[in-house]
PDB file of N, CA and C in Angstrom:
ATOM      1  N   MET A   1       0.838  -1.162   0.000  1.00  0.00           N
ATOM      2  CA  MET A   1       0.000   0.000   0.000  1.00  0.00           C
ATOM      3  C   MET A   1       0.888   1.232   0.000  1.00  0.00           C
ATOM      4  N   ALA A   2       0.583   2.152  -0.897  1.00  0.00           N
ATOM      5  CA  ALA A   2       1.376   3.367  -1.015  1.00  0.00           C
ATOM      6  C   ALA A   2       1.021   4.345   0.100  1.00  0.00           C
ATOM      7  N   ASN A   3       2.016   5.085   0.542  1.00  0.00           N
ATOM      8  CA  ASN A   3       1.799   6.107   1.555  1.00  0.00           C
ATOM      9  C   ASN A   3       1.470   7.412   0.839  1.00  0.00           C
ATOM     10  N   ILE A   4       0.210   7.770   0.811  1.00  0.00           N
ATOM     11  CA  ILE A   4      -0.233   8.961   0.085  1.00  0.00           C
ATOM     12  C   ILE A   4      -0.397  10.099   1.079  1.00  0.00           C
ATOM     13  N   THR A   5       0.430  11.138   0.884  1.00  0.00           N
ATOM     14  CA  THR A   5       0.383  12.287   1.793  1.00  0.00           C
ATOM     15  C   THR A   5      -0.012  13.571   1.092  1.00  0.00           C
ATOM     16  N   ASP A   6       0.157  13.621  -0.222  1.00  0.00           N
ATOM     17  CA  ASP A   6      -0.209  14.825  -0.967  1.00  0.00           C
ATOM     18  C   ASP A   6      -0.568  14.441  -2.398  1.00  0.00           C
ATOM     19  N   HIS A   7      -0.839  15.446  -3.209  1.00  0.00           N
ATOM     20  CA  HIS A   7      -1.262  15.174  -4.587  1.00  0.00           C
ATOM     21  C   HIS A   7      -0.162  14.469  -5.390  1.00  0.00           C
ATOM     22  N   ALA A   8       1.088  14.838  -5.176  1.00  0.00           N
ATOM     23  CA  ALA A   8       2.197  14.230  -5.921  1.00  0.00           C
ATOM     24  C   ALA A   8       2.317  12.740  -5.601  1.00  0.00           C
ATOM     25  N   SER A   9       2.209  12.373  -4.328  1.00  0.00           N
ATOM     26  CA  SER A   9       2.304  10.953  -3.975  1.00  0.00           C
ATOM     27  C   SER A   9       1.083  10.189  -4.479  1.00  0.00           C
ATOM     28  N   TYR A  10      -0.076  10.836  -4.484  1.00  0.00           N
ATOM     29  CA  TYR A  10      -1.277  10.218  -5.058  1.00  0.00           C
ATOM     30  C   TYR A  10      -1.072   9.949  -6.546  1.00  0.00           C
ATOM     31  N   GLN A  11      -0.560  10.949  -7.266  1.00  0.00           N
ATOM     32  CA  GLN A  11      -0.362  10.801  -8.707  1.00  0.00           C
ATOM     33  C   GLN A  11       0.665   9.714  -9.007  1.00  0.00           C
ATOM     34  N   GLU A  12       1.710   9.638  -8.191  1.00  0.00           N
ATOM     35  CA  GLU A  12       2.733   8.610  -8.381  1.00  0.00           C
ATOM     36  C   GLU A  12       2.138   7.211  -8.176  1.00  0.00           C
ATOM     37  N   ALA A  13       1.343   7.039  -7.123  1.00  0.00           N
ATOM     38  CA  ALA A  13       0.693   5.747  -6.876  1.00  0.00           C
ATOM     39  C   ALA A  13      -0.281   5.410  -7.995  1.00  0.00           C
ATOM     40  N   ARG A  14      -0.999   6.400  -8.465  1.00  0.00           N
ATOM     41  CA  ARG A  14      -1.955   6.185  -9.559  1.00  0.00           C
ATOM     42  C   ARG A  14      -1.231   5.782 -10.841  1.00  0.00           C
ATOM     43  N   ASP A  15      -0.104   6.434 -11.139  1.00  0.00           N
ATOM     44  CA  ASP A  15       0.680   6.098 -12.330  1.00  0.00           C
ATOM     45  C   ASP A  15       1.214   4.673 -12.252  1.00  0.00           C
ATOM     46  N   ARG A  16       1.675   4.262 -11.064  1.00  0.00           N
ATOM     47  CA  ARG A  16       2.159   2.884 -10.899  1.00  0.00           C
ATOM     48  C   ARG A  16       1.030   1.884 -11.104  1.00  0.00           C
ATOM     49  N   ALA A  17      -0.138   2.178 -10.560  1.00  0.00           N
ATOM     50  CA  ALA A  17      -1.287   1.283 -10.724  1.00  0.00           C
ATOM     51  C   ALA A  17      -1.722   1.213 -12.183  1.00  0.00           C
ATOM     52  N   ASP A  18      -1.734   2.350 -12.862  1.00  0.00           N
ATOM     53  CA  ASP A  18      -2.104   2.366 -14.284  1.00  0.00           C
ATOM     54  C   ASP A  18      -1.100   1.584 -15.125  1.00  0.00           C
ATOM     55  N   ALA A  19       0.196   1.727 -14.808  1.00  0.00           N
ATOM     56  CA  ALA A  19       1.224   0.997 -15.552  1.00  0.00           C
ATOM     57  C   ALA A  19       1.084  -0.508 -15.332  1.00  0.00           C
ATOM     58  N   ALA A  20       0.798  -0.907 -14.091  1.00  0.00           N
ATOM     59  CA  ALA A  20       0.615  -2.335 -13.803  1.00  0.00           C
ATOM     60  C   ALA A  20      -0.596  -2.877 -14.544  1.00  0.00           C
ATOM     61  N   GLU A  21      -1.675  -2.112 -14.574  1.00  0.00           N
ATOM     62  CA  GLU A  21      -2.872  -2.557 -15.293  1.00  0.00           C
ATOM     63  C   GLU A  21      -2.613  -2.648 -16.791  1.00  0.00           C
ATOM     64  N   GLU A  22      -1.851  -1.703 -17.328  1.00  0.00           N
ATOM     65  CA  GLU A  22      -1.540  -1.731 -18.759  1.00  0.00           C
ATOM     66  C   GLU A  22      -0.691  -2.944 -19.112  1.00  0.00           C
ATOM     67  N   ARG A  23       0.259  -3.290 -18.238  1.00  0.00           N
ATOM     68  CA  ARG A  23       1.072  -4.487 -18.488  1.00  0.00           C
ATOM     69  C   ARG A  23       0.198  -5.730 -18.495  1.00  0.00           C
ATOM     70  N   GLU A  24      -0.813  -5.750 -17.629  1.00  0.00           N
ATOM     71  CA  GLU A  24      -1.670  -6.923 -17.509  1.00  0.00           C
ATOM     72  C   GLU A  24      -2.689  -7.013 -18.641  1.00  0.00           C
ATOM     73  N   THR A  25      -3.280  -5.911 -19.003  1.00  0.00           N
ATOM     74  CA  THR A  25      -4.396  -5.954 -19.954  1.00  0.00           C
ATOM     75  C   THR A  25      -4.069  -5.385 -21.318  1.00  0.00           C
ATOM     76  N   GLY A  26      -2.937  -4.758 -21.501  1.00  0.00           N
ATOM     77  CA  GLY A  26      -2.615  -4.151 -22.785  1.00  0.00           C
ATOM     78  C   GLY A  26      -3.089  -2.707 -22.839  1.00  0.00           C
ATOM     79  N   ARG A  27      -2.595  -2.003 -23.830  1.00  0.00           N
ATOM     80  CA  ARG A  27      -2.905  -0.573 -23.933  1.00  0.00           C
ATOM     81  C   ARG A  27      -4.374  -0.297 -24.161  1.00  0.00           C
ATOM     82  N   PHE A  28      -5.055  -1.215 -24.785  1.00  0.00           N
ATOM     83  CA  PHE A  28      -6.422  -0.947 -25.206  1.00  0.00           C
ATOM     84  C   PHE A  28      -7.467  -1.578 -24.291  1.00  0.00           C
ATOM     85  N   GLY A  29      -7.064  -2.023 -23.107  1.00  0.00           N
ATOM     86  CA  GLY A  29      -8.021  -2.532 -22.143  1.00  0.00           C
ATOM     87  C   GLY A  29      -8.331  -4.008 -22.274  1.00  0.00           C
ATOM     88  N   TYR A  30      -7.571  -4.736 -23.070  1.00  0.00           N
ATOM     89  CA  TYR A  30      -7.751  -6.178 -23.146  1.00  0.00           C
ATOM     90  C   TYR A  30      -6.382  -6.820 -23.084  1.00  0.00           C
ATOM     91  N   GLN A  31      -6.361  -8.115 -22.993  1.00  0.00           N
ATOM     92  CA  GLN A  31      -5.092  -8.809 -22.800  1.00  0.00           C
ATOM     93  C   GLN A  31      -4.208  -8.689 -24.031  1.00  0.00           C
ATOM     94  N   SER A  32      -2.928  -8.744 -23.808  1.00  0.00           N
ATOM     95  CA  SER A  32      -1.969  -8.615 -24.895  1.00  0.00           C
ATOM     96  C   SER A  32      -2.076  -9.790 -25.865  1.00  0.00           C
ATOM     97  N   GLU A  33      -1.498  -9.626 -27.039  1.00  0.00           N
ATOM     98  CA  GLU A  33      -1.537 -10.688 -28.046  1.00  0.00           C
ATOM     99  C   GLU A  33      -0.844 -11.945 -27.546  1.00  0.00           C
ATOM    100  N   ASP A  34       0.237 -11.780 -26.804  1.00  0.00           N
ATOM    101  CA  ASP A  34       0.934 -12.951 -26.259  1.00  0.00           C
ATOM    102  C   ASP A  34       0.030 -13.732 -25.317  1.00  0.00           C
ATOM    103  N   THR A  35      -0.707 -13.019 -24.476  1.00  0.00           N
ATOM    104  CA  THR A  35      -1.619 -13.682 -23.548  1.00  0.00           C
ATOM    105  C   THR A  35      -2.749 -14.360 -24.300  1.00  0.00           C
ATOM    106  N   GLN A  36      -3.289 -13.686 -25.310  1.00  0.00           N
ATOM    107  CA  GLN A  36      -4.354 -14.284 -26.106  1.00  0.00           C
ATOM    108  C   GLN A  36      -3.850 -15.531 -26.819  1.00  0.00           C
ATOM    109  N   GLU A  37      -2.624 -15.475 -27.329  1.00  0.00           N
ATOM    110  CA  GLU A  37      -2.041 -16.639 -28.005  1.00  0.00           C
ATOM    111  C   GLU A  37      -1.847 -17.788 -27.018  1.00  0.00           C
ATOM    112  N   TYR A  38      -1.397 -17.470 -25.811  1.00  0.00           N
ATOM    113  CA  TYR A  38      -1.207 -18.487 -24.782  1.00  0.00           C
ATOM    114  C   TYR A  38      -2.528 -19.175 -24.453  1.00  0.00           C
ATOM    115  N   TYR A  39      -3.588 -18.381 -24.239  1.00  0.00           N
ATOM    116  CA  TYR A  39      -4.891 -18.968 -23.926  1.00  0.00           C
ATOM    117  C   TYR A  39      -5.428 -19.793 -25.088  1.00  0.00           C
ATOM    118  N   ALA A  40      -5.155 -19.382 -26.313  1.00  0.00           N
ATOM    119  CA  ALA A  40      -5.588 -20.158 -27.473  1.00  0.00           C
ATOM    120  C   ALA A  40      -4.880 -21.509 -27.498  1.00  0.00           C
ATOM    121  N   GLU A  41      -3.586 -21.513 -27.159  1.00  0.00           N
ATOM    122  CA  GLU A  41      -2.840 -22.770 -27.118  1.00  0.00           C
ATOM    123  C   GLU A  41      -3.355 -23.677 -26.002  1.00  0.00           C
ATOM    124  N   VAL A  42      -3.659 -23.103 -24.860  1.00  0.00           N
ATOM    125  CA  VAL A  42      -4.210 -23.895 -23.754  1.00  0.00           C
ATOM    126  C   VAL A  42      -5.542 -24.508 -24.161  1.00  0.00           C
ATOM    127  N   ASP A  43      -6.396 -23.710 -24.785  1.00  0.00           N
ATOM    128  CA  ASP A  43      -7.698 -24.208 -25.219  1.00  0.00           C
ATOM    129  C   ASP A  43      -7.536 -25.308 -26.260  1.00  0.00           C
ATOM    130  N   ALA A  44      -6.588 -25.133 -27.183  1.00  0.00           N
ATOM    131  CA  ALA A  44      -6.353 -26.164 -28.197  1.00  0.00           C
ATOM    132  C   ALA A  44      -5.876 -27.458 -27.546  1.00  0.00           C
ATOM    133  N   GLY A  45      -4.999 -27.349 -26.558  1.00  0.00           N
ATOM    134  CA  GLY A  45      -4.531 -28.542 -25.856  1.00  0.00           C
ATOM    135  C   GLY A  45      -5.650 -29.244 -25.115  1.00  0.00           C
ATOM    136  N   LEU A  46      -6.502 -28.463 -24.472  1.00  0.00           N
ATOM    137  CA  LEU A  46      -7.619 -29.062 -23.740  1.00  0.00           C
ATOM    138  C   LEU A  46      -8.645 -29.681 -24.678  1.00  0.00           C
ATOM    139  N   SER A  47      -8.772 -29.145 -25.877  1.00  0.00           N
ATOM    140  CA  SER A  47      -9.748 -29.702 -26.818  1.00  0.00           C
ATOM    141  C   SER A  47      -9.368 -31.117 -27.240  1.00  0.00           C
ATOM    142  N   ILE A  48      -8.093 -31.442 -27.169  1.00  0.00           N
ATOM    143  CA  ILE A  48      -7.652 -32.799 -27.486  1.00  0.00           C
ATOM    144  C   ILE A  48      -8.247 -33.778 -26.473  1.00  0.00           C
ATOM    145  N   SER A  49      -8.148 -33.436 -25.196  1.00  0.00           N
ATOM    146  CA  SER A  49      -8.733 -34.299 -24.169  1.00  0.00           C
ATOM    147  C   SER A  49     -10.250 -34.313 -24.249  1.00  0.00           C
ATOM    148  N   ARG A  50     -10.848 -33.155 -24.542  1.00  0.00           N
ATOM    149  CA  ARG A  50     -12.310 -33.123 -24.676  1.00  0.00           C
ATOM    150  C   ARG A  50     -12.760 -34.072 -25.773  1.00  0.00           C
ATOM    151  N   ALA A  51     -12.029 -34.107 -26.877  1.00  0.00           N
ATOM    152  CA  ALA A  51     -12.386 -35.007 -27.979  1.00  0.00           C
ATOM    153  C   ALA A  51     -12.245 -36.465 -27.548  1.00  0.00           C
ATOM    154  N   ALA A  52     -11.185 -36.773 -26.820  1.00  0.00           N
ATOM    155  CA  ALA A  52     -10.953 -38.160 -26.404  1.00  0.00           C
ATOM    156  C   ALA A  52     -11.949 -38.619 -25.346  1.00  0.00           C
ATOM    157  N   TRP A  53     -12.417 -37.710 -24.514  1.00  0.00           N
ATOM    158  CA  TRP A  53     -13.325 -38.078 -23.432  1.00  0.00           C
ATOM    159  C   TRP A  53     -14.789 -37.878 -23.795  1.00  0.00           C
ATOM    160  N   ASP A  54     -15.071 -37.528 -25.047  1.00  0.00           N
ATOM    161  CA  ASP A  54     -16.455 -37.322 -25.482  1.00  0.00           C
ATOM    162  C   ASP A  54     -17.212 -38.640 -25.387  1.00  0.00           C
ATOM    163  N   GLU A  55     -18.347 -38.622 -24.732  1.00  0.00           N
ATOM    164  CA  GLU A  55     -19.136 -39.837 -24.504  1.00  0.00           C
ATOM    165  C   GLU A  55     -19.776 -40.373 -25.785  1.00  0.00           C
ATOM    166  N   GLN A  56     -19.852 -39.558 -26.830  1.00  0.00           N
ATOM    167  CA  GLN A  56     -20.462 -40.005 -28.085  1.00  0.00           C
ATOM    168  C   GLN A  56     -19.587 -41.016 -28.811  1.00  0.00           C
ATOM    169  N   PHE A  57     -18.309 -41.001 -28.511  1.00  0.00           N
ATOM    170  CA  PHE A  57     -17.373 -41.889 -29.190  1.00  0.00           C
ATOM    171  C   PHE A  57     -17.003 -43.051 -28.280  1.00  0.00           C
ATOM    172  N   ASP A  58     -16.852 -44.211 -28.886  1.00  0.00           N
ATOM    173  CA  ASP A  58     -16.397 -45.382 -28.148  1.00  0.00           C
ATOM    174  C   ASP A  58     -14.873 -45.385 -28.215  1.00  0.00           C
ATOM    175  N   VAL A  59     -14.253 -44.881 -27.175  1.00  0.00           N
ATOM    176  CA  VAL A  59     -12.803 -44.703 -27.167  1.00  0.00           C
ATOM    177  C   VAL A  59     -12.206 -45.574 -26.072  1.00  0.00           C
ATOM    178  N   ALA A  60     -11.140 -46.261 -26.419  1.00  0.00           N
ATOM    179  CA  ALA A  60     -10.453 -47.116 -25.447  1.00  0.00           C
ATOM    180  C   ALA A  60      -9.761 -46.257 -24.385  1.00  0.00           C
ATOM    181  N   PRO A  61      -9.615 -46.796 -23.184  1.00  0.00           N
ATOM    182  CA  PRO A  61      -8.933 -46.035 -22.124  1.00  0.00           C
ATOM    183  C   PRO A  61      -7.505 -45.636 -22.491  1.00  0.00           C
ATOM    184  N   SER A  62      -6.815 -46.475 -23.257  1.00  0.00           N
ATOM    185  CA  SER A  62      -5.442 -46.125 -23.637  1.00  0.00           C
ATOM    186  C   SER A  62      -5.413 -44.899 -24.548  1.00  0.00           C
ATOM    187  N   VAL A  63      -6.448 -44.736 -25.373  1.00  0.00           N
ATOM    188  CA  VAL A  63      -6.521 -43.553 -26.236  1.00  0.00           C
ATOM    189  C   VAL A  63      -6.726 -42.312 -25.373  1.00  0.00           C
ATOM    190  N   ARG A  64      -7.535 -42.436 -24.352  1.00  0.00           N
ATOM    191  CA  ARG A  64      -7.763 -41.300 -23.453  1.00  0.00           C
ATOM    192  C   ARG A  64      -6.493 -40.935 -22.688  1.00  0.00           C
ATOM    193  N   ARG A  65      -5.748 -41.938 -22.266  1.00  0.00           N
ATOM    194  CA  ARG A  65      -4.486 -41.656 -21.578  1.00  0.00           C
ATOM    195  C   ARG A  65      -3.492 -40.999 -22.528  1.00  0.00           C
ATOM    196  N   PHE A  66      -3.471 -41.458 -23.773  1.00  0.00           N
ATOM    197  CA  PHE A  66      -2.578 -40.863 -24.764  1.00  0.00           C
ATOM    198  C   PHE A  66      -2.971 -39.408 -25.030  1.00  0.00           C
ATOM    199  N   ALA A  67      -4.257 -39.101 -24.989  1.00  0.00           N
ATOM    200  CA  ALA A  67      -4.715 -37.718 -25.186  1.00  0.00           C
ATOM    201  C   ALA A  67      -4.154 -36.804 -24.099  1.00  0.00           C
ATOM    202  N   ILE A  68      -4.062 -37.321 -22.886  1.00  0.00           N
ATOM    203  CA  ILE A  68      -3.506 -36.519 -21.795  1.00  0.00           C
ATOM    204  C   ILE A  68      -2.027 -36.246 -22.038  1.00  0.00           C
ATOM    205  N   VAL A  69      -1.306 -37.245 -22.525  1.00  0.00           N
ATOM    206  CA  VAL A  69       0.109 -37.064 -22.855  1.00  0.00           C
ATOM    207  C   VAL A  69       0.255 -36.021 -23.960  1.00  0.00           C
ATOM    208  N   LEU A  70      -0.581 -36.130 -24.991  1.00  0.00           N
ATOM    209  CA  LEU A  70      -0.519 -35.165 -26.091  1.00  0.00           C
ATOM    210  C   LEU A  70      -0.853 -33.756 -25.611  1.00  0.00           C
ATOM    211  N   GLU A  71      -1.809 -33.662 -24.715  1.00  0.00           N
ATOM    212  CA  GLU A  71      -2.179 -32.359 -24.155  1.00  0.00           C
ATOM    213  C   GLU A  71      -0.978 -31.716 -23.464  1.00  0.00           C
ATOM    214  N   GLN A  72      -0.237 -32.505 -22.722  1.00  0.00           N
ATOM    215  CA  GLN A  72       0.954 -31.988 -22.043  1.00  0.00           C
ATOM    216  C   GLN A  72       2.032 -31.586 -23.042  1.00  0.00           C
ATOM    217  N   MET A  73       2.147 -32.336 -24.126  1.00  0.00           N
ATOM    218  CA  MET A  73       3.129 -31.999 -25.154  1.00  0.00           C
ATOM    219  C   MET A  73       2.765 -30.684 -25.841  1.00  0.00           C
ATOM    220  N   VAL A  74       1.483 -30.464 -26.071  1.00  0.00           N
ATOM    221  CA  VAL A  74       1.041 -29.198 -26.662  1.00  0.00           C
ATOM    222  C   VAL A  74       1.308 -28.058 -25.680  1.00  0.00           C
ATOM    223  N   ALA A  75       1.013 -28.283 -24.411  1.00  0.00           N
ATOM    224  CA  ALA A  75       1.242 -27.248 -23.399  1.00  0.00           C
ATOM    225  C   ALA A  75       2.723 -26.900 -23.293  1.00  0.00           C
ATOM    226  N   GLY A  76       3.584 -27.882 -23.480  1.00  0.00           N
ATOM    227  CA  GLY A  76       5.021 -27.655 -23.448  1.00  0.00           C
ATOM    228  C   GLY A  76       5.585 -27.185 -24.769  1.00  0.00           C
ATOM    229  N   ARG A  77       4.708 -26.987 -25.741  1.00  0.00           N
ATOM    230  CA  ARG A  77       5.063 -26.521 -27.089  1.00  0.00           C
ATOM    231  C   ARG A  77       6.005 -27.480 -27.811  1.00  0.00           C
ATOM    232  N   ALA A  78       5.925 -28.764 -27.464  1.00  0.00           N
ATOM    233  CA  ALA A  78       6.724 -29.761 -28.167  1.00  0.00           C
ATOM    234  C   ALA A  78       6.108 -30.092 -29.522  1.00  0.00           C
ATOM    235  N   ILE A  79       4.778 -30.055 -29.590  1.00  0.00           N
ATOM    236  CA  ILE A  79       4.065 -30.285 -30.844  1.00  0.00           C
ATOM    237  C   ILE A  79       2.932 -29.272 -30.952  1.00  0.00           C
ATOM    238  N   LYS A  80       2.424 -29.127 -32.154  1.00  0.00           N
ATOM    239  CA  LYS A  80       1.310 -28.207 -32.390  1.00  0.00           C
ATOM    240  C   LYS A  80      -0.009 -28.953 -32.187  1.00  0.00           C
ATOM    241  N   PRO A  81      -1.092 -28.227 -31.883  1.00  0.00           N
ATOM    242  CA  PRO A  81      -2.386 -28.886 -31.674  1.00  0.00           C
ATOM    243  C   PRO A  81      -2.837 -29.734 -32.861  1.00  0.00           C
ATOM    244  N   ALA A  82      -2.611 -29.265 -34.074  1.00  0.00           N
ATOM    245  CA  ALA A  82      -3.010 -30.047 -35.252  1.00  0.00           C
ATOM    246  C   ALA A  82      -2.252 -31.368 -35.306  1.00  0.00           C
ATOM    247  N   GLN A  83      -0.977 -31.344 -34.952  1.00  0.00           N
ATOM    248  CA  GLN A  83      -0.193 -32.579 -34.922  1.00  0.00           C
ATOM    249  C   GLN A  83      -0.718 -33.523 -33.843  1.00  0.00           C
ATOM    250  N   ALA A  84      -1.112 -32.963 -32.714  1.00  0.00           N
ATOM    251  CA  ALA A  84      -1.647 -33.790 -31.630  1.00  0.00           C
ATOM    252  C   ALA A  84      -2.939 -34.474 -32.058  1.00  0.00           C
ATOM    253  N   PHE A  85      -3.820 -33.744 -32.746  1.00  0.00           N
ATOM    254  CA  PHE A  85      -5.056 -34.358 -33.230  1.00  0.00           C
ATOM    255  C   PHE A  85      -4.756 -35.468 -34.230  1.00  0.00           C
ATOM    256  N   ASP A  86      -3.786 -35.235 -35.118  1.00  0.00           N
ATOM    257  CA  ASP A  86      -3.411 -36.271 -36.085  1.00  0.00           C
ATOM    258  C   ASP A  86      -2.889 -37.515 -35.374  1.00  0.00           C
ATOM    259  N   LEU A  87      -1.994 -37.312 -34.416  1.00  0.00           N
ATOM    260  CA  LEU A  87      -1.442 -38.453 -33.677  1.00  0.00           C
ATOM    261  C   LEU A  87      -2.525 -39.200 -32.905  1.00  0.00           C
ATOM    262  N   LEU A  88      -3.440 -38.454 -32.303  1.00  0.00           N
ATOM    263  CA  LEU A  88      -4.524 -39.089 -31.556  1.00  0.00           C
ATOM    264  C   LEU A  88      -5.421 -39.902 -32.481  1.00  0.00           C
ATOM    265  N   ALA A  89      -5.735 -39.358 -33.643  1.00  0.00           N
ATOM    266  CA  ALA A  89      -6.583 -40.080 -34.601  1.00  0.00           C
ATOM    267  C   ALA A  89      -5.891 -41.345 -35.097  1.00  0.00           C
ATOM    268  N   ILE A  90      -4.614 -41.239 -35.429  1.00  0.00           N
ATOM    269  CA  ILE A  90      -3.865 -42.404 -35.908  1.00  0.00           C
ATOM    270  C   ILE A  90      -3.794 -43.471 -34.817  1.00  0.00           C
ATOM    271  N   TYR A  91      -3.523 -43.045 -33.592  1.00  0.00           N
ATOM    272  CA  TYR A  91      -3.446 -43.993 -32.485  1.00  0.00           C
ATOM    273  C   TYR A  91      -4.796 -44.663 -32.246  1.00  0.00           C
ATOM    274  N   ALA A  92      -5.878 -43.893 -32.305  1.00  0.00           N
ATOM    275  CA  ALA A  92      -7.215 -44.459 -32.084  1.00  0.00           C
ATOM    276  C   ALA A  92      -7.571 -45.458 -33.174  1.00  0.00           C
ATOM    277  N   ILE A  93      -7.251 -45.137 -34.425  1.00  0.00           N
ATOM    278  CA  ILE A  93      -7.540 -46.056 -35.538  1.00  0.00           C
ATOM    279  C   ILE A  93      -6.712 -47.327 -35.404  1.00  0.00           C
ATOM    280  N   ALA A  94      -5.417 -47.173 -35.127  1.00  0.00           N
ATOM    281  CA  ALA A  94      -4.550 -48.345 -34.976  1.00  0.00           C
ATOM    282  C   ALA A  94      -4.999 -49.202 -33.792  1.00  0.00           C
ATOM    283  N   ASN A  95      -5.388 -48.569 -32.720  1.00  0.00           N
ATOM    284  CA  ASN A  95      -5.856 -49.295 -31.539  1.00  0.00           C
ATOM    285  C   ASN A  95      -7.136 -50.062 -31.848  1.00  0.00           C
ATOM    286  N   ARG A  96      -8.049 -49.452 -32.578  1.00  0.00           N
ATOM    287  CA  ARG A  96      -9.308 -50.113 -32.932  1.00  0.00           C
ATOM    288  C   ARG A  96      -9.043 -51.326 -33.826  1.00  0.00           C
ATOM    289  N   HIS A  97      -8.150 -51.181 -34.814  1.00  0.00           N
ATOM    290  CA  HIS A  97      -7.834 -52.307 -35.702  1.00  0.00           C
ATOM    291  C   HIS A  97      -7.137 -53.431 -34.947  1.00  0.00           C
ATOM    292  N   ARG A  98      -6.268 -53.070 -34.031  1.00  0.00           N
ATOM    293  CA  ARG A  98      -5.565 -54.087 -33.251  1.00  0.00           C
ATOM    294  C   ARG A  98      -6.545 -54.869 -32.379  1.00  0.00           C
ATOM    295  N   ASN A  99      -7.520 -54.177 -31.815  1.00  0.00           N
ATOM    296  CA  ASN A  99      -8.491 -54.842 -30.941  1.00  0.00           C
ATOM    297  C   ASN A  99      -9.527 -55.647 -31.706  1.00  0.00           C
ATOM    298  N   GLN A 100      -9.705 -55.388 -33.000  1.00  0.00           N
ATOM    299  CA  GLN A 100     -10.681 -56.129 -33.796  1.00  0.00           C
ATOM    300  C   GLN A 100     -10.135 -57.456 -34.283  1.00  0.00           C
ATOM    301  N   ARG A 101      -8.860 -57.654 -34.215  1.00  0.00           N
ATOM    302  CA  ARG A 101      -8.270 -58.910 -34.683  1.00  0.00           C
ATOM    303  C   ARG A 101      -8.598 -60.046 -33.788  1.00  0.00           C
TER     304      ARG A 101
END
């Protein structure tokens, strides 16, 4: 908490608060592009698990576990979300064919 004793100290505290808010939300009152990109990547990673855990699909437990691994890889930026979906689809298809034999 700032020690406000006069107008100058008030203005200094206000400027610091405004600067902190600008760093957090961006100049135009919303989050910066980097933050928006980060949240988009998080959402893309989570969508992989949402797809694997969707009750409409008959998915083996190993496919669901693999989706969690892929989600972590996307979060760590080791692979892109599109690559994760491709790998998950290939694994699910291969798993289904292996189990049908």
